Amino acid sequence: NVDWFEQAWLSAESYLDYTAFSRSGLIDQLLYEGFTQEQVTYGVDKTGL
């Protein structure tokens, strides 16, 4: 059973390790990947961005 909220956070962290993103840019990228708005918001919030 996959925790997609956790996956959104891990994906966000991975992007930030690789390159600089604005909050809105990171949100757009994660939405493009297919995460829901709720999952994306959770993941980006957890990064502190």
N, C-alpha and C. Protein backbone atom coordinates (compact mmCIF):
# COMPACT_ATOMS: atom_id res chain seq x y z
N ASN A 1 0.84 -1.19 0.00
CA ASN A 1 0.00 0.00 0.00
C ASN A 1 0.89 1.24 0.00
N VAL A 2 0.82 2.00 -1.07
CA VAL A 2 1.70 3.16 -1.24
C VAL A 2 1.08 4.38 -0.58
N ASP A 3 1.89 5.12 0.18
CA ASP A 3 1.47 6.40 0.74
C ASP A 3 1.86 7.49 -0.26
N TRP A 4 0.89 7.95 -1.04
CA TRP A 4 1.18 8.91 -2.10
C TRP A 4 1.54 10.28 -1.57
N PHE A 5 1.11 10.60 -0.35
CA PHE A 5 1.53 11.86 0.27
C PHE A 5 3.03 11.81 0.55
N GLU A 6 3.48 10.68 1.08
CA GLU A 6 4.91 10.48 1.34
C GLU A 6 5.70 10.49 0.03
N GLN A 7 5.16 9.87 -1.01
CA GLN A 7 5.83 9.84 -2.30
C GLN A 7 5.96 11.24 -2.89
N ALA A 8 4.93 12.06 -2.72
CA ALA A 8 4.98 13.44 -3.22
C ALA A 8 6.08 14.21 -2.49
N TRP A 9 6.21 14.00 -1.20
CA TRP A 9 7.25 14.67 -0.42
C TRP A 9 8.64 14.21 -0.87
N LEU A 10 8.81 12.90 -1.01
CA LEU A 10 10.11 12.37 -1.43
C LEU A 10 10.49 12.85 -2.83
N SER A 11 9.51 12.93 -3.71
CA SER A 11 9.76 13.42 -5.05
C SER A 11 10.15 14.90 -5.01
N ALA A 12 9.46 15.68 -4.20
CA ALA A 12 9.78 17.11 -4.05
C ALA A 12 11.20 17.28 -3.52
N GLU A 13 11.57 16.51 -2.51
CA GLU A 13 12.93 16.58 -1.95
C GLU A 13 13.96 16.22 -3.01
N SER A 14 13.66 15.21 -3.80
CA SER A 14 14.58 14.78 -4.85
C SER A 14 14.81 15.89 -5.87
N TYR A 15 13.74 16.56 -6.29
CA TYR A 15 13.88 17.68 -7.23
C TYR A 15 14.73 18.79 -6.63
N LEU A 16 14.51 19.10 -5.36
CA LEU A 16 15.25 20.19 -4.73
C LEU A 16 16.72 19.83 -4.54
N ASP A 17 17.02 18.55 -4.39
CA ASP A 17 18.42 18.12 -4.31
C ASP A 17 19.13 18.30 -5.65
N TYR A 18 18.37 18.21 -6.72
CA TYR A 18 18.93 18.24 -8.07
C TYR A 18 19.07 19.67 -8.60
N THR A 19 18.07 20.50 -8.34
CA THR A 19 18.07 21.85 -8.91
C THR A 19 17.19 22.77 -8.07
N ALA A 20 17.29 24.06 -8.31
CA ALA A 20 16.48 25.04 -7.58
C ALA A 20 15.09 25.13 -8.22
N PHE A 21 14.09 25.14 -7.39
CA PHE A 21 12.71 25.31 -7.83
C PHE A 21 12.06 26.39 -6.98
N SER A 22 11.20 27.18 -7.60
CA SER A 22 10.31 28.03 -6.82
C SER A 22 9.21 27.13 -6.28
N ARG A 23 8.49 27.60 -5.29
CA ARG A 23 7.38 26.80 -4.75
C ARG A 23 6.38 26.48 -5.85
N SER A 24 6.00 27.49 -6.63
CA SER A 24 5.00 27.25 -7.68
C SER A 24 5.54 26.34 -8.77
N GLY A 25 6.82 26.47 -9.09
CA GLY A 25 7.42 25.60 -10.09
C GLY A 25 7.45 24.15 -9.66
N LEU A 26 7.76 23.94 -8.38
CA LEU A 26 7.79 22.58 -7.85
C LEU A 26 6.38 22.00 -7.81
N ILE A 27 5.41 22.80 -7.43
CA ILE A 27 4.01 22.36 -7.42
C ILE A 27 3.59 21.95 -8.83
N ASP A 28 3.90 22.78 -9.82
CA ASP A 28 3.55 22.47 -11.21
C ASP A 28 4.19 21.17 -11.66
N GLN A 29 5.46 20.96 -11.30
CA GLN A 29 6.17 19.75 -11.70
C GLN A 29 5.52 18.51 -11.10
N LEU A 30 5.17 18.57 -9.83
CA LEU A 30 4.56 17.41 -9.16
C LEU A 30 3.15 17.14 -9.69
N LEU A 31 2.40 18.20 -9.98
CA LEU A 31 1.08 18.01 -10.58
C LEU A 31 1.21 17.36 -11.96
N TYR A 32 2.21 17.77 -12.72
CA TYR A 32 2.47 17.19 -14.04
C TYR A 32 2.75 15.69 -13.92
N GLU A 33 3.43 15.30 -12.83
CA GLU A 33 3.74 13.89 -12.61
C GLU A 33 2.52 13.06 -12.25
N GLY A 34 1.43 13.72 -11.89
CA GLY A 34 0.20 12.99 -11.62
C GLY A 34 -0.24 12.95 -10.17
N PHE A 35 0.51 13.63 -9.30
CA PHE A 35 0.06 13.71 -7.91
C PHE A 35 -1.15 14.64 -7.84
N THR A 36 -2.00 14.43 -6.84
CA THR A 36 -3.15 15.31 -6.65
C THR A 36 -2.69 16.62 -6.01
N GLN A 37 -3.55 17.63 -6.09
CA GLN A 37 -3.23 18.93 -5.48
C GLN A 37 -2.96 18.77 -3.99
N GLU A 38 -3.77 17.96 -3.33
CA GLU A 38 -3.61 17.74 -1.89
C GLU A 38 -2.27 17.07 -1.58
N GLN A 39 -1.91 16.08 -2.36
CA GLN A 39 -0.63 15.38 -2.16
C GLN A 39 0.54 16.33 -2.42
N VAL A 40 0.43 17.12 -3.47
CA VAL A 40 1.49 18.06 -3.82
C VAL A 40 1.67 19.10 -2.72
N THR A 41 0.58 19.66 -2.24
CA THR A 41 0.67 20.67 -1.18
C THR A 41 1.33 20.09 0.05
N TYR A 42 0.94 18.89 0.43
CA TYR A 42 1.56 18.21 1.57
C TYR A 42 3.06 18.04 1.35
N GLY A 43 3.43 17.53 0.19
CA GLY A 43 4.83 17.26 -0.10
C GLY A 43 5.68 18.51 -0.11
N VAL A 44 5.19 19.56 -0.75
CA VAL A 44 5.95 20.81 -0.84
C VAL A 44 6.02 21.48 0.54
N ASP A 45 4.94 21.45 1.29
CA ASP A 45 4.96 22.01 2.64
C ASP A 45 6.02 21.33 3.50
N LYS A 46 6.14 20.01 3.37
CA LYS A 46 7.11 19.27 4.18
C LYS A 46 8.56 19.62 3.83
N THR A 47 8.79 20.13 2.61
CA THR A 47 10.15 20.53 2.25
C THR A 47 10.53 21.85 2.90
N GLY A 48 9.53 22.61 3.34
CA GLY A 48 9.79 23.93 3.92
C GLY A 48 9.91 25.03 2.89
N LEU A 49 9.65 24.70 1.63
CA LEU A 49 9.77 25.69 0.56
C LEU A 49 8.62 26.67 0.58
